Structures are given as structure tokens and as C-alpha cells.
């Protein structure tokens, strides 16, 4: 069964076992394009600058961040692109959503994965 996975971009990939999509709006600090091993960068799917700065990776704000981010995604054509890309690549292998945040629980990639899994019936 092909899987949708999350991985921090700074983690050395154990193996490049899937189609790798960076879902951050900003390029991760200190990361070279070579080390990232990206297949695609869908920066438009990341939260807006205003929402990202307001959230500031504060876990207490995560429920409100999630609600606001889901509202942004509902009106964001980049999410439709991401959903189609993920659906297409899951037919052939795993898809890995990459993010730069230190917190593996409170970040937009977690929200994207949940929304994609619900929308694609995974």
C-alpha cells in the first residue's frame, strides 16, 4: 500500500522512497537544493505570511492556526494542485510532504496531511 508521509526536510532521508514535495512557503534555512532531494516545491500551499507570523510556532495557538489555515486552503487553488499531485503519485509509490518546522506535531504539514487523507479517502 502506498503511503502519504511527513518528514522534516532537515532529516537525512533514510531512503528516497517516494515523491518528495516541500510544502513550506519559505525555503528552509541552510538547506541546499541538492541536500533537499526535492521532486517539487509547492510554496503557494503554505500558510500566508500573516498567518505564519501570527502563529509563530506556538503550540497554544495551534487550534486557531489550524482553523484559519483550513479556511485559507479552502480558497487556495494551490491545494487543488497539491491534492491532484499527491493522488497521481500515490498510484506509483509513496508521497512525502516535507516541512522545515522543528515541532513535528504543530505545523502546517500535519494539517495538510490530514486534509489530503480525508479528501483522498486514505
PDB file of N, CA and C in Angstrom:
ATOM      1  N   UNK A   1       0.852  -1.200   0.000  1.00  0.00           N
ATOM      2  CA  UNK A   1       0.000   0.000   0.000  1.00  0.00           C
ATOM      3  C   UNK A   1       0.885   1.247   0.000  1.00  0.00           C
ATOM      4  N   UNK A   2       0.624   2.130  -0.907  1.00  0.00           N
ATOM      5  CA  UNK A   2       1.382   3.375  -0.975  1.00  0.00           C
ATOM      6  C   UNK A   2       0.915   4.302   0.141  1.00  0.00           C
ATOM      7  N   UNK A   3       1.841   5.100   0.673  1.00  0.00           N
ATOM      8  CA  UNK A   3       1.525   5.908   1.845  1.00  0.00           C
ATOM      9  C   UNK A   3       1.842   7.378   1.617  1.00  0.00           C
ATOM     10  N   UNK A   4       1.092   8.214   2.325  1.00  0.00           N
ATOM     11  CA  UNK A   4       1.371   9.643   2.405  1.00  0.00           C
ATOM     12  C   UNK A   4       2.111   9.842   3.722  1.00  0.00           C
ATOM     13  N   UNK A   5       3.326  10.379   3.649  1.00  0.00           N
ATOM     14  CA  UNK A   5       4.181  10.501   4.832  1.00  0.00           C
ATOM     15  C   UNK A   5       4.554  11.953   5.072  1.00  0.00           C
ATOM     16  N   UNK A   6       4.988  12.220   6.301  1.00  0.00           N
ATOM     17  CA  UNK A   6       5.537  13.525   6.677  1.00  0.00           C
ATOM     18  C   UNK A   6       6.987  13.346   7.051  1.00  0.00           C
ATOM     19  N   UNK A   7       7.813  14.318   6.683  1.00  0.00           N
ATOM     20  CA  UNK A   7       9.219  14.246   7.053  1.00  0.00           C
ATOM     21  C   UNK A   7       9.771  15.657   7.185  1.00  0.00           C
ATOM     22  N   UNK A   8      10.570  15.851   8.207  1.00  0.00           N
ATOM     23  CA  UNK A   8      11.252  17.136   8.359  1.00  0.00           C
ATOM     24  C   UNK A   8      12.369  17.199   7.328  1.00  0.00           C
ATOM     25  N   UNK A   9      12.445  18.287   6.594  1.00  0.00           N
ATOM     26  CA  UNK A   9      13.405  18.369   5.492  1.00  0.00           C
ATOM     27  C   UNK A   9      14.846  18.264   5.966  1.00  0.00           C
ATOM     28  N   UNK A  10      15.100  18.619   7.227  1.00  0.00           N
ATOM     29  CA  UNK A  10      16.464  18.553   7.746  1.00  0.00           C
ATOM     30  C   UNK A  10      16.885  17.140   8.140  1.00  0.00           C
ATOM     31  N   UNK A  11      15.939  16.210   8.163  1.00  0.00           N
ATOM     32  CA  UNK A  11      16.243  14.819   8.479  1.00  0.00           C
ATOM     33  C   UNK A  11      16.889  14.184   7.261  1.00  0.00           C
ATOM     34  N   UNK A  12      18.006  13.533   7.465  1.00  0.00           N
ATOM     35  CA  UNK A  12      18.648  12.832   6.348  1.00  0.00           C
ATOM     36  C   UNK A  12      17.711  11.716   5.897  1.00  0.00           C
ATOM     37  N   UNK A  13      17.278  11.722   4.634  1.00  0.00           N
ATOM     38  CA  UNK A  13      16.355  10.665   4.203  1.00  0.00           C
ATOM     39  C   UNK A  13      17.005   9.287   4.302  1.00  0.00           C
ATOM     40  N   UNK A  14      16.316   8.375   4.950  1.00  0.00           N
ATOM     41  CA  UNK A  14      16.814   7.005   5.086  1.00  0.00           C
ATOM     42  C   UNK A  14      16.927   6.395   3.695  1.00  0.00           C
ATOM     43  N   UNK A  15      15.922   6.597   2.913  1.00  0.00           N
ATOM     44  CA  UNK A  15      15.979   6.251   1.502  1.00  0.00           C
ATOM     45  C   UNK A  15      14.968   7.167   0.816  1.00  0.00           C
ATOM     46  N   UNK A  16      15.202   7.401  -0.434  1.00  0.00           N
ATOM     47  CA  UNK A  16      14.325   8.319  -1.170  1.00  0.00           C
ATOM     48  C   UNK A  16      13.166   7.493  -1.722  1.00  0.00           C
ATOM     49  N   UNK A  17      12.299   7.067  -0.792  1.00  0.00           N
ATOM     50  CA  UNK A  17      11.261   6.098  -1.138  1.00  0.00           C
ATOM     51  C   UNK A  17       9.930   6.745  -1.465  1.00  0.00           C
ATOM     52  N   UNK A  18       9.981   7.847  -2.180  1.00  0.00           N
ATOM     53  CA  UNK A  18       8.719   8.469  -2.555  1.00  0.00           C
ATOM     54  C   UNK A  18       8.934   9.786  -3.264  1.00  0.00           C
ATOM     55  N   UNK A  19       7.820  10.338  -3.727  1.00  0.00           N
ATOM     56  CA  UNK A  19       7.818  11.630  -4.402  1.00  0.00           C
ATOM     57  C   UNK A  19       7.843  12.698  -3.315  1.00  0.00           C
ATOM     58  N   UNK A  20       8.875  13.543  -3.316  1.00  0.00           N
ATOM     59  CA  UNK A  20       9.137  14.469  -2.215  1.00  0.00           C
ATOM     60  C   UNK A  20       8.664  15.880  -2.578  1.00  0.00           C
ATOM     61  N   UNK A  21       7.705  16.401  -1.770  1.00  0.00           N
ATOM     62  CA  UNK A  21       7.124  17.726  -2.009  1.00  0.00           C
ATOM     63  C   UNK A  21       7.356  18.611  -0.789  1.00  0.00           C
ATOM     64  N   UNK A  22       8.044  19.727  -0.983  1.00  0.00           N
ATOM     65  CA  UNK A  22       8.199  20.721   0.077  1.00  0.00           C
ATOM     66  C   UNK A  22       6.933  21.565   0.122  1.00  0.00           C
ATOM     67  N   UNK A  23       6.306  21.671   1.314  1.00  0.00           N
ATOM     68  CA  UNK A  23       5.040  22.391   1.442  1.00  0.00           C
ATOM     69  C   UNK A  23       5.187  23.659   2.290  1.00  0.00           C
ATOM     70  N   UNK A  24       6.402  24.160   2.433  1.00  0.00           N
ATOM     71  CA  UNK A  24       6.649  25.425   3.128  1.00  0.00           C
ATOM     72  C   UNK A  24       6.678  26.562   2.122  1.00  0.00           C
ATOM     73  N   UNK A  25       6.189  27.725   2.531  1.00  0.00           N
ATOM     74  CA  UNK A  25       6.219  28.903   1.661  1.00  0.00           C
ATOM     75  C   UNK A  25       7.641  29.453   1.530  1.00  0.00           C
ATOM     76  N   UNK A  26       8.427  29.309   2.604  1.00  0.00           N
ATOM     77  CA  UNK A  26       9.809  29.797   2.595  1.00  0.00           C
ATOM     78  C   UNK A  26      10.771  28.626   2.441  1.00  0.00           C
ATOM     79  N   UNK A  27      11.857  28.878   1.703  1.00  0.00           N
ATOM     80  CA  UNK A  27      12.877  27.836   1.577  1.00  0.00           C
ATOM     81  C   UNK A  27      13.527  27.635   2.947  1.00  0.00           C
ATOM     82  N   UNK A  28      13.730  26.385   3.382  1.00  0.00           N
ATOM     83  CA  UNK A  28      14.321  26.113   4.704  1.00  0.00           C
ATOM     84  C   UNK A  28      15.750  26.659   4.818  1.00  0.00           C
ATOM     85  N   UNK A  29      16.010  27.367   5.911  1.00  0.00           N
ATOM     86  CA  UNK A  29      17.335  27.951   6.147  1.00  0.00           C
ATOM     87  C   UNK A  29      18.428  26.904   6.134  1.00  0.00           C
ATOM     88  N   UNK A  30      19.514  27.225   5.452  1.00  0.00           N
ATOM     89  CA  UNK A  30      20.687  26.362   5.488  1.00  0.00           C
ATOM     90  C   UNK A  30      20.568  25.087   4.672  1.00  0.00           C
ATOM     91  N   UNK A  31      19.488  24.923   3.946  1.00  0.00           N
ATOM     92  CA  UNK A  31      19.267  23.704   3.162  1.00  0.00           C
ATOM     93  C   UNK A  31      19.624  23.979   1.699  1.00  0.00           C
ATOM     94  N   UNK A  32      20.496  23.161   1.153  1.00  0.00           N
ATOM     95  CA  UNK A  32      20.825  23.323  -0.263  1.00  0.00           C
ATOM     96  C   UNK A  32      19.810  22.553  -1.103  1.00  0.00           C
ATOM     97  N   UNK A  33      19.651  22.955  -2.340  1.00  0.00           N
ATOM     98  CA  UNK A  33      18.728  22.256  -3.232  1.00  0.00           C
ATOM     99  C   UNK A  33      19.165  20.800  -3.409  1.00  0.00           C
ATOM    100  N   UNK A  34      20.475  20.562  -3.420  1.00  0.00           N
ATOM    101  CA  UNK A  34      20.988  19.200  -3.596  1.00  0.00           C
ATOM    102  C   UNK A  34      20.628  18.320  -2.394  1.00  0.00           C
ATOM    103  N   UNK A  35      20.826  18.846  -1.181  1.00  0.00           N
ATOM    104  CA  UNK A  35      20.551  18.056   0.026  1.00  0.00           C
ATOM    105  C   UNK A  35      19.057  17.807   0.232  1.00  0.00           C
ATOM    106  N   UNK A  36      18.221  18.667  -0.316  1.00  0.00           N
ATOM    107  CA  UNK A  36      16.776  18.543  -0.106  1.00  0.00           C
ATOM    108  C   UNK A  36      16.178  17.359  -0.861  1.00  0.00           C
ATOM    109  N   UNK A  37      16.793  16.964  -1.952  1.00  0.00           N
ATOM    110  CA  UNK A  37      16.281  15.858  -2.779  1.00  0.00           C
ATOM    111  C   UNK A  37      14.801  16.043  -3.100  1.00  0.00           C
ATOM    112  N   UNK A  38      14.442  17.242  -3.554  1.00  0.00           N
ATOM    113  CA  UNK A  38      13.039  17.549  -3.841  1.00  0.00           C
ATOM    114  C   UNK A  38      12.625  17.091  -5.227  1.00  0.00           C
ATOM    115  N   UNK A  39      11.380  16.688  -5.324  1.00  0.00           N
ATOM    116  CA  UNK A  39      10.775  16.487  -6.635  1.00  0.00           C
ATOM    117  C   UNK A  39       9.959  17.717  -7.018  1.00  0.00           C
ATOM    118  N   UNK A  40       9.434  18.399  -5.996  1.00  0.00           N
ATOM    119  CA  UNK A  40       8.575  19.554  -6.263  1.00  0.00           C
ATOM    120  C   UNK A  40       8.520  20.443  -5.027  1.00  0.00           C
ATOM    121  N   UNK A  41       8.353  21.740  -5.263  1.00  0.00           N
ATOM    122  CA  UNK A  41       8.173  22.700  -4.175  1.00  0.00           C
ATOM    123  C   UNK A  41       6.884  23.456  -4.453  1.00  0.00           C
ATOM    124  N   UNK A  42       5.861  23.196  -3.657  1.00  0.00           N
ATOM    125  CA  UNK A  42       4.568  23.870  -3.814  1.00  0.00           C
ATOM    126  C   UNK A  42       4.429  24.929  -2.729  1.00  0.00           C
ATOM    127  N   UNK A  43       5.192  26.013  -2.871  1.00  0.00           N
ATOM    128  CA  UNK A  43       5.225  27.027  -1.818  1.00  0.00           C
ATOM    129  C   UNK A  43       3.891  27.738  -1.631  1.00  0.00           C
ATOM    130  N   UNK A  44       3.082  27.821  -2.696  1.00  0.00           N
ATOM    131  CA  UNK A  44       1.806  28.540  -2.596  1.00  0.00           C
ATOM    132  C   UNK A  44       0.817  27.860  -1.657  1.00  0.00           C
ATOM    133  N   UNK A  45       1.074  26.583  -1.307  1.00  0.00           N
ATOM    134  CA  UNK A  45       0.156  25.862  -0.435  1.00  0.00           C
ATOM    135  C   UNK A  45       0.447  26.147   1.047  1.00  0.00           C
ATOM    136  N   UNK A  46       1.571  26.768   1.326  1.00  0.00           N
ATOM    137  CA  UNK A  46       1.906  27.115   2.707  1.00  0.00           C
ATOM    138  C   UNK A  46       1.012  28.232   3.232  1.00  0.00           C
ATOM    139  N   UNK A  47       0.969  28.398   4.552  1.00  0.00           N
ATOM    140  CA  UNK A  47       0.147  29.477   5.128  1.00  0.00           C
ATOM    141  C   UNK A  47       0.665  30.852   4.693  1.00  0.00           C
ATOM    142  N   UNK A  48      -0.232  31.822   4.659  1.00  0.00           N
ATOM    143  CA  UNK A  48       0.159  33.182   4.293  1.00  0.00           C
ATOM    144  C   UNK A  48       1.165  33.721   5.304  1.00  0.00           C
ATOM    145  N   UNK A  49       1.904  34.713   4.880  1.00  0.00           N
ATOM    146  CA  UNK A  49       2.909  35.339   5.751  1.00  0.00           C
ATOM    147  C   UNK A  49       2.257  35.821   7.046  1.00  0.00           C
ATOM    148  N   UNK A  50       1.087  36.442   6.932  1.00  0.00           N
ATOM    149  CA  UNK A  50       0.399  36.990   8.101  1.00  0.00           C
ATOM    150  C   UNK A  50       0.028  35.879   9.087  1.00  0.00           C
ATOM    151  N   UNK A  51      -0.514  34.791   8.571  1.00  0.00           N
ATOM    152  CA  UNK A  51      -0.914  33.681   9.443  1.00  0.00           C
ATOM    153  C   UNK A  51       0.316  33.008  10.054  1.00  0.00           C
ATOM    154  N   UNK A  52       1.337  32.804   9.265  1.00  0.00           N
ATOM    155  CA  UNK A  52       2.565  32.164   9.755  1.00  0.00           C
ATOM    156  C   UNK A  52       3.195  32.991  10.879  1.00  0.00           C
ATOM    157  N   UNK A  53       3.269  34.314  10.674  1.00  0.00           N
ATOM    158  CA  UNK A  53       3.880  35.178  11.682  1.00  0.00           C
ATOM    159  C   UNK A  53       3.036  35.242  12.949  1.00  0.00           C
ATOM    160  N   UNK A  54       1.707  35.248  12.792  1.00  0.00           N
ATOM    161  CA  UNK A  54       0.828  35.261  13.963  1.00  0.00           C
ATOM    162  C   UNK A  54       1.009  33.970  14.772  1.00  0.00           C
ATOM    163  N   UNK A  55       1.024  32.828  14.109  1.00  0.00           N
ATOM    164  CA  UNK A  55       1.153  31.526  14.773  1.00  0.00           C
ATOM    165  C   UNK A  55       2.494  31.412  15.489  1.00  0.00           C
ATOM    166  N   UNK A  56       3.569  31.786  14.820  1.00  0.00           N
ATOM    167  CA  UNK A  56       4.908  31.818  15.416  1.00  0.00           C
ATOM    168  C   UNK A  56       5.281  30.491  16.093  1.00  0.00           C
ATOM    169  N   UNK A  57       4.761  29.376  15.586  1.00  0.00           N
ATOM    170  CA  UNK A  57       5.050  28.033  16.107  1.00  0.00           C
ATOM    171  C   UNK A  57       4.770  27.905  17.604  1.00  0.00           C
ATOM    172  N   UNK A  58       3.713  28.584  18.067  1.00  0.00           N
ATOM    173  CA  UNK A  58       3.311  28.490  19.483  1.00  0.00           C
ATOM    174  C   UNK A  58       2.216  27.427  19.596  1.00  0.00           C
ATOM    175  N   UNK A  59       2.526  26.292  20.262  1.00  0.00           N
ATOM    176  CA  UNK A  59       1.546  25.197  20.348  1.00  0.00           C
ATOM    177  C   UNK A  59       0.170  25.618  20.865  1.00  0.00           C
ATOM    178  N   UNK A  60       0.112  26.575  21.779  1.00  0.00           N
ATOM    179  CA  UNK A  60      -1.186  27.007  22.328  1.00  0.00           C
ATOM    180  C   UNK A  60      -2.073  27.626  21.247  1.00  0.00           C
ATOM    181  N   UNK A  61      -1.468  28.189  20.213  1.00  0.00           N
ATOM    182  CA  UNK A  61      -2.235  28.814  19.128  1.00  0.00           C
ATOM    183  C   UNK A  61      -2.612  27.817  18.030  1.00  0.00           C
ATOM    184  N   UNK A  62      -2.156  26.571  18.145  1.00  0.00           N
ATOM    185  CA  UNK A  62      -2.336  25.623  17.050  1.00  0.00           C
ATOM    186  C   UNK A  62      -3.803  25.397  16.659  1.00  0.00           C
ATOM    187  N   UNK A  63      -4.748  25.227  17.605  1.00  0.00           N
ATOM    188  CA  UNK A  63      -6.141  25.033  17.182  1.00  0.00           C
ATOM    189  C   UNK A  63      -6.668  26.193  16.329  1.00  0.00           C
ATOM    190  N   UNK A  64      -6.357  27.431  16.733  1.00  0.00           N
ATOM    191  CA  UNK A  64      -6.797  28.595  15.942  1.00  0.00           C
ATOM    192  C   UNK A  64      -6.045  28.664  14.619  1.00  0.00           C
ATOM    193  N   UNK A  65      -4.751  28.352  14.654  1.00  0.00           N
ATOM    194  CA  UNK A  65      -3.949  28.324  13.424  1.00  0.00           C
ATOM    195  C   UNK A  65      -4.545  27.316  12.446  1.00  0.00           C
ATOM    196  N   UNK A  66      -4.893  26.137  12.948  1.00  0.00           N
ATOM    197  CA  UNK A  66      -5.452  25.089  12.090  1.00  0.00           C
ATOM    198  C   UNK A  66      -6.747  25.559  11.438  1.00  0.00           C
ATOM    199  N   UNK A  67      -7.631  26.157  12.222  1.00  0.00           N
ATOM    200  CA  UNK A  67      -8.909  26.634  11.682  1.00  0.00           C
ATOM    201  C   UNK A  67      -8.684  27.694  10.602  1.00  0.00           C
ATOM    202  N   UNK A  68      -7.785  28.634  10.875  1.00  0.00           N
ATOM    203  CA  UNK A  68      -7.524  29.705   9.911  1.00  0.00           C
ATOM    204  C   UNK A  68      -6.821  29.168   8.658  1.00  0.00           C
ATOM    205  N   UNK A  69      -5.912  28.239   8.846  1.00  0.00           N
ATOM    206  CA  UNK A  69      -5.187  27.665   7.712  1.00  0.00           C
ATOM    207  C   UNK A  69      -6.129  26.846   6.825  1.00  0.00           C
ATOM    208  N   UNK A  70      -7.026  26.065   7.451  1.00  0.00           N
ATOM    209  CA  UNK A  70      -8.005  25.308   6.661  1.00  0.00           C
ATOM    210  C   UNK A  70      -8.905  26.242   5.860  1.00  0.00           C
ATOM    211  N   UNK A  71      -9.244  27.393   6.449  1.00  0.00           N
ATOM    212  CA  UNK A  71     -10.042  28.390   5.718  1.00  0.00           C
ATOM    213  C   UNK A  71      -9.251  28.932   4.524  1.00  0.00           C
ATOM    214  N   UNK A  72      -7.953  29.186   4.725  1.00  0.00           N
ATOM    215  CA  UNK A  72      -7.100  29.631   3.610  1.00  0.00           C
ATOM    216  C   UNK A  72      -7.049  28.569   2.512  1.00  0.00           C
ATOM    217  N   UNK A  73      -6.876  27.315   2.919  1.00  0.00           N
ATOM    218  CA  UNK A  73      -6.760  26.231   1.939  1.00  0.00           C
ATOM    219  C   UNK A  73      -8.033  26.058   1.123  1.00  0.00           C
ATOM    220  N   UNK A  74      -9.180  26.286   1.756  1.00  0.00           N
ATOM    221  CA  UNK A  74     -10.462  26.122   1.062  1.00  0.00           C
ATOM    222  C   UNK A  74     -10.564  27.060  -0.142  1.00  0.00           C
ATOM    223  N   UNK A  75      -9.870  28.203  -0.060  1.00  0.00           N
ATOM    224  CA  UNK A  75      -9.925  29.186  -1.143  1.00  0.00           C
ATOM    225  C   UNK A  75      -8.621  29.225  -1.954  1.00  0.00           C
ATOM    226  N   UNK A  76      -7.740  28.248  -1.737  1.00  0.00           N
ATOM    227  CA  UNK A  76      -6.415  28.283  -2.356  1.00  0.00           C
ATOM    228  C   UNK A  76      -6.319  27.256  -3.483  1.00  0.00           C
ATOM    229  N   UNK A  77      -6.210  27.723  -4.744  1.00  0.00           N
ATOM    230  CA  UNK A  77      -6.093  26.770  -5.857  1.00  0.00           C
ATOM    231  C   UNK A  77      -4.844  25.896  -5.772  1.00  0.00           C
ATOM    232  N   UNK A  78      -3.823  26.327  -5.033  1.00  0.00           N
ATOM    233  CA  UNK A  78      -2.609  25.516  -4.882  1.00  0.00           C
ATOM    234  C   UNK A  78      -2.919  24.218  -4.138  1.00  0.00           C
ATOM    235  N   UNK A  79      -3.938  24.234  -3.257  1.00  0.00           N
ATOM    236  CA  UNK A  79      -4.287  22.995  -2.562  1.00  0.00           C
ATOM    237  C   UNK A  79      -4.855  21.974  -3.542  1.00  0.00           C
ATOM    238  N   UNK A  80      -5.647  22.433  -4.488  1.00  0.00           N
ATOM    239  CA  UNK A  80      -6.216  21.540  -5.505  1.00  0.00           C
ATOM    240  C   UNK A  80      -5.074  20.902  -6.309  1.00  0.00           C
ATOM    241  N   UNK A  81      -4.072  21.709  -6.633  1.00  0.00           N
ATOM    242  CA  UNK A  81      -2.890  21.210  -7.345  1.00  0.00           C
ATOM    243  C   UNK A  81      -2.168  20.158  -6.512  1.00  0.00           C
ATOM    244  N   UNK A  82      -1.973  20.448  -5.230  1.00  0.00           N
ATOM    245  CA  UNK A  82      -1.303  19.503  -4.338  1.00  0.00           C
ATOM    246  C   UNK A  82      -2.089  18.199  -4.257  1.00  0.00           C
ATOM    247  N   UNK A  83      -3.391  18.301  -4.073  1.00  0.00           N
ATOM    248  CA  UNK A  83      -4.226  17.109  -3.933  1.00  0.00           C
ATOM    249  C   UNK A  83      -4.129  16.232  -5.188  1.00  0.00           C
ATOM    250  N   UNK A  84      -4.151  16.864  -6.361  1.00  0.00           N
ATOM    251  CA  UNK A  84      -4.055  16.111  -7.621  1.00  0.00           C
ATOM    252  C   UNK A  84      -2.673  15.476  -7.762  1.00  0.00           C
ATOM    253  N   UNK A  85      -1.635  16.226  -7.421  1.00  0.00           N
ATOM    254  CA  UNK A  85      -0.260  15.721  -7.496  1.00  0.00           C
ATOM    255  C   UNK A  85      -0.087  14.514  -6.580  1.00  0.00           C
ATOM    256  N   UNK A  86      -0.583  14.628  -5.342  1.00  0.00           N
ATOM    257  CA  UNK A  86      -0.480  13.529  -4.379  1.00  0.00           C
ATOM    258  C   UNK A  86      -1.246  12.309  -4.899  1.00  0.00           C
ATOM    259  N   UNK A  87      -2.467  12.511  -5.374  1.00  0.00           N
ATOM    260  CA  UNK A  87      -3.278  11.404  -5.890  1.00  0.00           C
ATOM    261  C   UNK A  87      -2.565  10.706  -7.047  1.00  0.00           C
ATOM    262  N   UNK A  88      -2.007  11.482  -7.965  1.00  0.00           N
ATOM    263  CA  UNK A  88      -1.307  10.909  -9.125  1.00  0.00           C
ATOM    264  C   UNK A  88      -0.096  10.085  -8.706  1.00  0.00           C
ATOM    265  N   UNK A  89       0.714  10.616  -7.788  1.00  0.00           N
ATOM    266  CA  UNK A  89       1.953   9.945  -7.402  1.00  0.00           C
ATOM    267  C   UNK A  89       1.727   8.775  -6.445  1.00  0.00           C
ATOM    268  N   UNK A  90       0.619   8.787  -5.697  1.00  0.00           N
ATOM    269  CA  UNK A  90       0.328   7.649  -4.811  1.00  0.00           C
ATOM    270  C   UNK A  90       0.008   6.384  -5.612  1.00  0.00           C
ATOM    271  N   UNK A  91      -0.352   6.537  -6.874  1.00  0.00           N
ATOM    272  CA  UNK A  91      -0.620   5.364  -7.716  1.00  0.00           C
ATOM    273  C   UNK A  91       0.654   4.553  -7.935  1.00  0.00           C
ATOM    274  N   UNK A  92       1.800   5.249  -7.924  1.00  0.00           N
ATOM    275  CA  UNK A  92       3.078   4.606  -8.249  1.00  0.00           C
ATOM    276  C   UNK A  92       3.993   4.400  -7.054  1.00  0.00           C
ATOM    277  N   UNK A  93       3.751   5.100  -5.956  1.00  0.00           N
ATOM    278  CA  UNK A  93       4.653   4.991  -4.815  1.00  0.00           C
ATOM    279  C   UNK A  93       4.224   5.910  -3.688  1.00  0.00           C
ATOM    280  N   UNK A  94       5.085   6.025  -2.699  1.00  0.00           N
ATOM    281  CA  UNK A  94       4.806   6.890  -1.559  1.00  0.00           C
ATOM    282  C   UNK A  94       4.938   8.359  -1.949  1.00  0.00           C
ATOM    283  N   UNK A  95       4.274   9.213  -1.187  1.00  0.00           N
ATOM    284  CA  UNK A  95       4.426  10.659  -1.324  1.00  0.00           C
ATOM    285  C   UNK A  95       4.849  11.181   0.048  1.00  0.00           C
ATOM    286  N   UNK A  96       5.873  12.034   0.058  1.00  0.00           N
ATOM    287  CA  UNK A  96       6.406  12.566   1.306  1.00  0.00           C
ATOM    288  C   UNK A  96       6.235  14.081   1.308  1.00  0.00           C
ATOM    289  N   UNK A  97       5.481  14.587   2.284  1.00  0.00           N
ATOM    290  CA  UNK A  97       5.335  16.033   2.464  1.00  0.00           C
ATOM    291  C   UNK A  97       6.465  16.491   3.371  1.00  0.00           C
ATOM    292  N   UNK A  98       7.271  17.415   2.888  1.00  0.00           N
ATOM    293  CA  UNK A  98       8.424  17.911   3.630  1.00  0.00           C
ATOM    294  C   UNK A  98       8.133  19.279   4.222  1.00  0.00           C
ATOM    295  N   UNK A  99       8.625  19.498   5.442  1.00  0.00           N
ATOM    296  CA  UNK A  99       8.441  20.774   6.133  1.00  0.00           C
ATOM    297  C   UNK A  99       9.715  21.102   6.890  1.00  0.00           C
ATOM    298  N   UNK A 100       9.870  22.362   7.272  1.00  0.00           N
ATOM    299  CA  UNK A 100      11.075  22.782   7.972  1.00  0.00           C
ATOM    300  C   UNK A 100      10.919  22.954   9.474  1.00  0.00           C
ATOM    301  N   UNK A 101       9.692  23.035   9.969  1.00  0.00           N
ATOM    302  CA  UNK A 101       9.443  23.318  11.388  1.00  0.00           C
ATOM    303  C   UNK A 101      10.103  22.290  12.304  1.00  0.00           C
ATOM    304  N   UNK A 102      10.545  22.758  13.480  1.00  0.00           N
ATOM    305  CA  UNK A 102      11.168  21.859  14.461  1.00  0.00           C
ATOM    306  C   UNK A 102      10.119  20.971  15.136  1.00  0.00           C
ATOM    307  N   UNK A 103       8.924  21.499  15.346  1.00  0.00           N
ATOM    308  CA  UNK A 103       7.857  20.781  16.046  1.00  0.00           C
ATOM    309  C   UNK A 103       7.150  19.835  15.068  1.00  0.00           C
ATOM    310  N   UNK A 104       7.240  18.524  15.291  1.00  0.00           N
ATOM    311  CA  UNK A 104       6.636  17.574  14.350  1.00  0.00           C
ATOM    312  C   UNK A 104       5.114  17.440  14.482  1.00  0.00           C
ATOM    313  N   UNK A 105       4.542  18.074  15.508  1.00  0.00           N
ATOM    314  CA  UNK A 105       3.103  17.944  15.766  1.00  0.00           C
ATOM    315  C   UNK A 105       2.339  19.210  15.386  1.00  0.00           C
ATOM    316  N   UNK A 106       2.943  20.374  15.665  1.00  0.00           N
ATOM    317  CA  UNK A 106       2.262  21.646  15.464  1.00  0.00           C
ATOM    318  C   UNK A 106       2.858  22.384  14.261  1.00  0.00           C
ATOM    319  N   UNK A 107       2.491  21.939  13.054  1.00  0.00           N
ATOM    320  CA  UNK A 107       2.956  22.615  11.841  1.00  0.00           C
ATOM    321  C   UNK A 107       1.943  22.405  10.727  1.00  0.00           C
ATOM    322  N   UNK A 108       2.075  23.178   9.665  1.00  0.00           N
ATOM    323  CA  UNK A 108       1.058  23.123   8.614  1.00  0.00           C
ATOM    324  C   UNK A 108       1.075  21.818   7.832  1.00  0.00           C
ATOM    325  N   UNK A 109       2.209  21.123   7.785  1.00  0.00           N
ATOM    326  CA  UNK A 109       2.267  19.855   7.043  1.00  0.00           C
ATOM    327  C   UNK A 109       1.354  18.807   7.678  1.00  0.00           C
ATOM    328  N   UNK A 110       1.239  18.832   9.011  1.00  0.00           N
ATOM    329  CA  UNK A 110       0.347  17.910   9.722  1.00  0.00           C
ATOM    330  C   UNK A 110      -1.098  18.162   9.272  1.00  0.00           C
ATOM    331  N   UNK A 111      -1.471  19.426   9.176  1.00  0.00           N
ATOM    332  CA  UNK A 111      -2.822  19.809   8.752  1.00  0.00           C
ATOM    333  C   UNK A 111      -3.052  19.403   7.298  1.00  0.00           C
ATOM    334  N   UNK A 112      -2.067  19.659   6.452  1.00  0.00           N
ATOM    335  CA  UNK A 112      -2.182  19.273   5.038  1.00  0.00           C
ATOM    336  C   UNK A 112      -2.374  17.770   4.890  1.00  0.00           C
ATOM    337  N   UNK A 113      -1.594  16.998   5.640  1.00  0.00           N
ATOM    338  CA  UNK A 113      -1.691  15.536   5.541  1.00  0.00           C
ATOM    339  C   UNK A 113      -3.090  15.069   5.939  1.00  0.00           C
ATOM    340  N   UNK A 114      -3.618  15.599   7.047  1.00  0.00           N
ATOM    341  CA  UNK A 114      -4.971  15.234   7.494  1.00  0.00           C
ATOM    342  C   UNK A 114      -6.004  15.568   6.417  1.00  0.00           C
ATOM    343  N   UNK A 115      -5.904  16.764   5.858  1.00  0.00           N
ATOM    344  CA  UNK A 115      -6.869  17.221   4.845  1.00  0.00           C
ATOM    345  C   UNK A 115      -6.761  16.369   3.579  1.00  0.00           C
ATOM    346  N   UNK A 116      -5.544  16.055   3.176  1.00  0.00           N
ATOM    347  CA  UNK A 116      -5.345  15.208   1.988  1.00  0.00           C
ATOM    348  C   UNK A 116      -5.883  13.795   2.223  1.00  0.00           C
ATOM    349  N   UNK A 117      -5.601  13.245   3.397  1.00  0.00           N
ATOM    350  CA  UNK A 117      -6.080  11.892   3.700  1.00  0.00           C
ATOM    351  C   UNK A 117      -7.613  11.841   3.689  1.00  0.00           C
ATOM    352  N   UNK A 118      -8.243  12.874   4.259  1.00  0.00           N
ATOM    353  CA  UNK A 118      -9.710  12.919   4.274  1.00  0.00           C
ATOM    354  C   UNK A 118     -10.246  13.062   2.854  1.00  0.00           C
ATOM    355  N   UNK A 119      -9.657  13.974   2.084  1.00  0.00           N
ATOM    356  CA  UNK A 119     -10.138  14.233   0.719  1.00  0.00           C
ATOM    357  C   UNK A 119      -9.908  13.087  -0.242  1.00  0.00           C
ATOM    358  N   UNK A 120      -8.824  12.337  -0.030  1.00  0.00           N
ATOM    359  CA  UNK A 120      -8.478  11.233  -0.931  1.00  0.00           C
ATOM    360  C   UNK A 120      -8.927   9.874  -0.396  1.00  0.00           C
ATOM    361  N   UNK A 121      -9.535   9.889   0.792  1.00  0.00           N
ATOM    362  CA  UNK A 121     -10.031   8.651   1.386  1.00  0.00           C
ATOM    363  C   UNK A 121      -8.922   7.679   1.776  1.00  0.00           C
ATOM    364  N   UNK A 122      -7.828   8.207   2.289  1.00  0.00           N
ATOM    365  CA  UNK A 122      -6.683   7.360   2.684  1.00  0.00           C
ATOM    366  C   UNK A 122      -6.822   6.871   4.116  1.00  0.00           C
TER     367      UNK A 122
END
